[in-house]
Amino acid sequence: MKKQLRGGRINRINPLIQQIISNELLRNSESILNKSTITHVTTSPDMKRSTIFVSSIENNKGQLINALAKNRSKIQKELAKQLTTKYIPKIQFEIDSTFEHVDKINEIISNINE
């Protein structure tokens, strides 16, 4: 018998939340949101809060955070329409800085190799 991993429900909900919010960002009229990507989603075990990690092609984090904050309630409403769970998690956005760290590491490695 296969051992179930802890947090099975959360592991099923996170990709669904990511898909719904990604579609909303693509449909948005602001071009900065159209060029952004959701890298991953973490939801609390009680399903009350979700943190959405967002990355963008462009390097203007301030504008991205402002656009996300401005459209948060609209995105939250669409999430409430499409999710069929008892609780709809309150979303908060964070900028994912993973790619910046990768660039720094690659730069350090290339300097070492030279």
N, C-alpha and C. Protein backbone atom coordinates (compact mmCIF):
# COMPACT_ATOMS: atom_id res chain seq x y z
N MET A 1 0.84 -1.18 0.00
CA MET A 1 0.00 0.00 0.00
C MET A 1 0.88 1.24 0.00
N LYS A 2 0.52 2.21 -0.79
CA LYS A 2 1.30 3.41 -0.94
C LYS A 2 1.11 4.33 0.27
N LYS A 3 2.22 4.81 0.81
CA LYS A 3 2.15 5.70 1.96
C LYS A 3 1.78 7.11 1.48
N GLN A 4 0.74 7.68 2.09
CA GLN A 4 0.30 9.02 1.70
C GLN A 4 1.18 10.06 2.37
N LEU A 5 1.62 11.02 1.58
CA LEU A 5 2.44 12.09 2.10
C LEU A 5 1.59 13.04 2.93
N ARG A 6 2.20 13.65 3.90
CA ARG A 6 1.50 14.59 4.75
C ARG A 6 1.07 15.80 3.93
N GLY A 7 -0.11 16.28 4.16
CA GLY A 7 -0.60 17.46 3.45
C GLY A 7 -1.10 17.14 2.07
N GLY A 8 -1.71 16.00 1.88
CA GLY A 8 -2.18 15.60 0.56
C GLY A 8 -3.18 16.56 -0.03
N ARG A 9 -4.09 17.07 0.77
CA ARG A 9 -5.10 17.99 0.27
C ARG A 9 -4.46 19.30 -0.18
N ILE A 10 -3.52 19.79 0.62
CA ILE A 10 -2.83 21.03 0.27
C ILE A 10 -2.04 20.84 -1.02
N ASN A 11 -1.44 19.66 -1.18
CA ASN A 11 -0.67 19.39 -2.40
C ASN A 11 -1.56 19.32 -3.64
N ARG A 12 -2.84 19.07 -3.47
CA ARG A 12 -3.77 19.08 -4.59
C ARG A 12 -4.33 20.48 -4.84
N ILE A 13 -4.48 21.26 -3.78
CA ILE A 13 -5.07 22.60 -3.89
C ILE A 13 -4.06 23.61 -4.46
N ASN A 14 -2.79 23.53 -4.07
CA ASN A 14 -1.80 24.51 -4.52
C ASN A 14 -1.71 24.63 -6.04
N PRO A 15 -1.60 23.52 -6.79
CA PRO A 15 -1.56 23.68 -8.26
C PRO A 15 -2.85 24.26 -8.84
N LEU A 16 -3.97 23.96 -8.22
CA LEU A 16 -5.24 24.51 -8.68
C LEU A 16 -5.27 26.03 -8.48
N ILE A 17 -4.83 26.47 -7.32
CA ILE A 17 -4.76 27.91 -7.04
C ILE A 17 -3.80 28.57 -8.02
N GLN A 18 -2.67 27.93 -8.27
CA GLN A 18 -1.68 28.47 -9.20
C GLN A 18 -2.28 28.62 -10.61
N GLN A 19 -3.02 27.64 -11.05
CA GLN A 19 -3.63 27.69 -12.38
C GLN A 19 -4.68 28.81 -12.47
N ILE A 20 -5.52 28.91 -11.47
CA ILE A 20 -6.58 29.94 -11.48
C ILE A 20 -5.98 31.34 -11.50
N ILE A 21 -4.98 31.57 -10.66
CA ILE A 21 -4.39 32.90 -10.58
C ILE A 21 -3.56 33.20 -11.83
N SER A 22 -2.89 32.20 -12.37
CA SER A 22 -2.14 32.41 -13.61
C SER A 22 -3.06 32.84 -14.74
N ASN A 23 -4.20 32.20 -14.84
CA ASN A 23 -5.17 32.58 -15.87
C ASN A 23 -5.67 34.01 -15.66
N GLU A 24 -5.87 34.38 -14.41
CA GLU A 24 -6.32 35.74 -14.11
C GLU A 24 -5.25 36.77 -14.48
N LEU A 25 -3.99 36.45 -14.24
CA LEU A 25 -2.92 37.37 -14.59
C LEU A 25 -2.83 37.54 -16.11
N LEU A 26 -3.04 36.46 -16.84
CA LEU A 26 -3.01 36.53 -18.30
C LEU A 26 -4.16 37.36 -18.85
N ARG A 27 -5.32 37.28 -18.22
CA ARG A 27 -6.49 38.03 -18.68
C ARG A 27 -6.46 39.50 -18.28
N ASN A 28 -5.58 39.85 -17.37
CA ASN A 28 -5.54 41.21 -16.85
C ASN A 28 -5.08 42.19 -17.93
N SER A 29 -5.55 43.41 -17.83
CA SER A 29 -5.22 44.43 -18.83
C SER A 29 -3.84 45.06 -18.60
N GLU A 30 -3.28 44.91 -17.42
CA GLU A 30 -1.97 45.50 -17.15
C GLU A 30 -0.88 44.61 -17.74
N SER A 31 -0.04 45.22 -18.55
CA SER A 31 0.98 44.44 -19.27
C SER A 31 2.01 43.82 -18.32
N ILE A 32 2.29 44.48 -17.21
CA ILE A 32 3.28 43.92 -16.28
C ILE A 32 2.78 42.61 -15.66
N LEU A 33 1.47 42.49 -15.47
CA LEU A 33 0.92 41.25 -14.93
C LEU A 33 0.89 40.16 -15.98
N ASN A 34 0.72 40.54 -17.25
CA ASN A 34 0.75 39.56 -18.33
C ASN A 34 2.12 38.93 -18.49
N LYS A 35 3.16 39.66 -18.13
CA LYS A 35 4.53 39.17 -18.28
C LYS A 35 5.05 38.48 -17.02
N SER A 36 4.22 38.33 -16.03
CA SER A 36 4.66 37.70 -14.78
C SER A 36 4.26 36.23 -14.74
N THR A 37 4.95 35.49 -13.92
CA THR A 37 4.74 34.05 -13.80
C THR A 37 4.63 33.69 -12.33
N ILE A 38 3.74 32.79 -12.02
CA ILE A 38 3.64 32.28 -10.65
C ILE A 38 4.58 31.08 -10.55
N THR A 39 5.59 31.21 -9.69
CA THR A 39 6.57 30.14 -9.57
C THR A 39 6.08 29.03 -8.66
N HIS A 40 5.47 29.38 -7.54
CA HIS A 40 4.85 28.36 -6.69
C HIS A 40 3.89 28.99 -5.68
N VAL A 41 3.10 28.13 -5.08
CA VAL A 41 2.06 28.55 -4.13
C VAL A 41 2.24 27.73 -2.86
N THR A 42 2.14 28.39 -1.72
CA THR A 42 2.10 27.67 -0.45
C THR A 42 0.83 28.07 0.28
N THR A 43 0.11 27.08 0.76
CA THR A 43 -1.14 27.31 1.47
C THR A 43 -1.01 26.77 2.88
N SER A 44 -1.54 27.49 3.84
CA SER A 44 -1.49 27.05 5.23
C SER A 44 -2.34 25.79 5.39
N PRO A 45 -2.02 24.94 6.37
CA PRO A 45 -2.78 23.70 6.56
C PRO A 45 -4.27 23.91 6.84
N ASP A 46 -4.63 25.05 7.42
CA ASP A 46 -6.04 25.31 7.70
C ASP A 46 -6.77 25.96 6.52
N MET A 47 -6.06 26.14 5.39
CA MET A 47 -6.63 26.70 4.16
C MET A 47 -7.11 28.15 4.32
N LYS A 48 -6.54 28.88 5.26
CA LYS A 48 -6.98 30.26 5.47
C LYS A 48 -6.10 31.27 4.73
N ARG A 49 -4.83 30.90 4.43
CA ARG A 49 -3.90 31.82 3.78
C ARG A 49 -3.10 31.09 2.70
N SER A 50 -2.88 31.79 1.60
CA SER A 50 -2.01 31.29 0.54
C SER A 50 -1.02 32.38 0.16
N THR A 51 0.23 31.98 0.06
CA THR A 51 1.26 32.90 -0.40
C THR A 51 1.58 32.53 -1.84
N ILE A 52 1.48 33.50 -2.71
CA ILE A 52 1.70 33.31 -4.14
C ILE A 52 3.05 33.95 -4.47
N PHE A 53 3.99 33.15 -4.94
CA PHE A 53 5.31 33.65 -5.31
C PHE A 53 5.31 33.95 -6.80
N VAL A 54 5.63 35.21 -7.13
CA VAL A 54 5.54 35.69 -8.50
C VAL A 54 6.91 36.14 -8.98
N SER A 55 7.20 35.81 -10.22
CA SER A 55 8.43 36.23 -10.86
C SER A 55 8.07 36.95 -12.15
N SER A 56 8.94 37.86 -12.58
CA SER A 56 8.65 38.61 -13.80
C SER A 56 9.87 38.65 -14.70
N ILE A 57 9.61 38.74 -15.99
CA ILE A 57 10.69 38.86 -16.96
C ILE A 57 11.39 40.19 -16.78
N GLU A 58 10.61 41.20 -16.55
CA GLU A 58 11.15 42.54 -16.39
C GLU A 58 11.66 42.72 -14.96
N ASN A 59 12.57 43.66 -14.79
CA ASN A 59 13.19 43.86 -13.48
C ASN A 59 12.59 45.05 -12.73
N ASN A 60 11.28 45.18 -12.72
CA ASN A 60 10.64 46.29 -12.02
C ASN A 60 9.72 45.73 -10.93
N LYS A 61 10.34 45.36 -9.83
CA LYS A 61 9.59 44.73 -8.73
C LYS A 61 8.56 45.67 -8.11
N GLY A 62 8.90 46.94 -8.01
CA GLY A 62 7.99 47.90 -7.40
C GLY A 62 6.67 47.99 -8.15
N GLN A 63 6.76 48.09 -9.47
CA GLN A 63 5.55 48.17 -10.29
C GLN A 63 4.75 46.87 -10.20
N LEU A 64 5.46 45.74 -10.18
CA LEU A 64 4.77 44.45 -10.10
C LEU A 64 4.01 44.31 -8.79
N ILE A 65 4.65 44.66 -7.69
CA ILE A 65 3.99 44.58 -6.38
C ILE A 65 2.78 45.50 -6.33
N ASN A 66 2.92 46.72 -6.87
CA ASN A 66 1.80 47.67 -6.88
C ASN A 66 0.64 47.13 -7.72
N ALA A 67 0.94 46.57 -8.88
CA ALA A 67 -0.11 46.03 -9.76
C ALA A 67 -0.80 44.84 -9.10
N LEU A 68 -0.02 43.98 -8.44
CA LEU A 68 -0.61 42.83 -7.75
C LEU A 68 -1.49 43.28 -6.59
N ALA A 69 -1.03 44.27 -5.84
CA ALA A 69 -1.81 44.77 -4.71
C ALA A 69 -3.12 45.41 -5.19
N LYS A 70 -3.03 46.13 -6.30
CA LYS A 70 -4.21 46.79 -6.85
C LYS A 70 -5.25 45.78 -7.34
N ASN A 71 -4.80 44.67 -7.87
CA ASN A 71 -5.70 43.66 -8.45
C ASN A 71 -5.97 42.48 -7.51
N ARG A 72 -5.49 42.53 -6.29
CA ARG A 72 -5.62 41.40 -5.37
C ARG A 72 -7.08 41.04 -5.11
N SER A 73 -7.92 42.03 -4.88
CA SER A 73 -9.33 41.72 -4.57
C SER A 73 -10.04 41.10 -5.77
N LYS A 74 -9.74 41.58 -6.96
CA LYS A 74 -10.33 41.00 -8.17
C LYS A 74 -9.89 39.54 -8.34
N ILE A 75 -8.61 39.29 -8.11
CA ILE A 75 -8.08 37.92 -8.22
C ILE A 75 -8.68 37.05 -7.13
N GLN A 76 -8.83 37.60 -5.93
CA GLN A 76 -9.42 36.87 -4.80
C GLN A 76 -10.86 36.46 -5.12
N LYS A 77 -11.62 37.35 -5.74
CA LYS A 77 -13.02 37.04 -6.09
C LYS A 77 -13.08 35.93 -7.13
N GLU A 78 -12.20 35.97 -8.10
CA GLU A 78 -12.18 34.92 -9.13
C GLU A 78 -11.78 33.58 -8.53
N LEU A 79 -10.87 33.61 -7.58
CA LEU A 79 -10.47 32.38 -6.87
C LEU A 79 -11.67 31.82 -6.11
N ALA A 80 -12.44 32.69 -5.48
CA ALA A 80 -13.62 32.25 -4.73
C ALA A 80 -14.67 31.64 -5.65
N LYS A 81 -14.78 32.15 -6.88
CA LYS A 81 -15.74 31.59 -7.83
C LYS A 81 -15.36 30.19 -8.27
N GLN A 82 -14.07 29.97 -8.48
CA GLN A 82 -13.63 28.72 -9.11
C GLN A 82 -13.24 27.63 -8.12
N LEU A 83 -12.87 27.99 -6.90
CA LEU A 83 -12.50 26.98 -5.91
C LEU A 83 -13.76 26.45 -5.23
N THR A 84 -13.83 25.17 -5.05
CA THR A 84 -15.00 24.58 -4.40
C THR A 84 -14.61 23.98 -3.05
N THR A 85 -14.01 24.79 -2.21
CA THR A 85 -13.61 24.35 -0.88
C THR A 85 -14.39 25.13 0.16
N LYS A 86 -14.38 24.60 1.38
CA LYS A 86 -15.11 25.26 2.46
C LYS A 86 -14.54 26.65 2.72
N TYR A 87 -13.23 26.74 2.78
CA TYR A 87 -12.56 28.02 3.01
C TYR A 87 -11.84 28.42 1.73
N ILE A 88 -11.95 29.70 1.42
CA ILE A 88 -11.18 30.26 0.31
C ILE A 88 -10.01 30.99 0.94
N PRO A 89 -8.79 30.55 0.64
CA PRO A 89 -7.63 31.18 1.30
C PRO A 89 -7.46 32.63 0.88
N LYS A 90 -7.08 33.44 1.85
CA LYS A 90 -6.77 34.84 1.58
C LYS A 90 -5.38 34.85 0.94
N ILE A 91 -5.27 35.49 -0.21
CA ILE A 91 -4.00 35.44 -0.93
C ILE A 91 -3.13 36.65 -0.59
N GLN A 92 -1.84 36.39 -0.59
CA GLN A 92 -0.85 37.46 -0.48
C GLN A 92 0.25 37.15 -1.48
N PHE A 93 0.80 38.18 -2.07
CA PHE A 93 1.80 38.01 -3.11
C PHE A 93 3.18 38.35 -2.58
N GLU A 94 4.16 37.59 -3.05
CA GLU A 94 5.56 37.86 -2.75
C GLU A 94 6.36 37.69 -4.03
N ILE A 95 7.41 38.50 -4.16
CA ILE A 95 8.29 38.38 -5.31
C ILE A 95 9.25 37.22 -5.06
N ASP A 96 9.35 36.33 -6.03
CA ASP A 96 10.25 35.19 -5.93
C ASP A 96 11.62 35.62 -6.43
N SER A 97 12.60 35.56 -5.57
CA SER A 97 13.95 36.01 -5.93
C SER A 97 14.88 34.85 -6.27
N THR A 98 14.34 33.70 -6.56
CA THR A 98 15.15 32.52 -6.86
C THR A 98 16.04 32.76 -8.07
N PHE A 99 15.48 33.37 -9.12
CA PHE A 99 16.26 33.55 -10.34
C PHE A 99 17.41 34.53 -10.15
N GLU A 100 17.23 35.51 -9.27
CA GLU A 100 18.32 36.43 -8.96
C GLU A 100 19.46 35.67 -8.28
N HIS A 101 19.10 34.75 -7.38
CA HIS A 101 20.12 33.96 -6.69
C HIS A 101 20.84 33.05 -7.67
N VAL A 102 20.12 32.49 -8.62
CA VAL A 102 20.73 31.62 -9.63
C VAL A 102 21.72 32.42 -10.46
N ASP A 103 21.35 33.63 -10.86
CA ASP A 103 22.26 34.48 -11.64
C ASP A 103 23.53 34.80 -10.86
N LYS A 104 23.38 35.10 -9.56
CA LYS A 104 24.55 35.40 -8.74
C LYS A 104 25.45 34.19 -8.61
N ILE A 105 24.86 33.02 -8.41
CA ILE A 105 25.64 31.79 -8.28
C ILE A 105 26.36 31.48 -9.59
N ASN A 106 25.68 31.63 -10.71
CA ASN A 106 26.31 31.40 -12.02
C ASN A 106 27.46 32.37 -12.26
N GLU A 107 27.29 33.61 -11.83
CA GLU A 107 28.35 34.61 -11.98
C GLU A 107 29.56 34.24 -11.13
N ILE A 108 29.32 33.80 -9.92
CA ILE A 108 30.42 33.38 -9.04
C ILE A 108 31.15 32.17 -9.62
N ILE A 109 30.40 31.21 -10.13
CA ILE A 109 31.02 30.03 -10.72
C ILE A 109 31.83 30.39 -11.95
N SER A 110 31.34 31.29 -12.79
CA SER A 110 32.09 31.67 -13.98
C SER A 110 33.35 32.44 -13.60
N ASN A 111 33.29 33.24 -12.51
CA ASN A 111 34.49 33.94 -12.04
C ASN A 111 35.54 32.96 -11.51
N ILE A 112 35.08 31.91 -10.86
CA ILE A 112 35.99 30.89 -10.32
C ILE A 112 36.67 30.13 -11.45
N ASN A 113 35.90 29.81 -12.49
CA ASN A 113 36.44 29.05 -13.62
C ASN A 113 37.46 29.84 -14.43
N GLU A 114 37.38 31.16 -14.38
CA GLU A 114 38.31 32.00 -15.16
C GLU A 114 39.58 32.14 -14.44
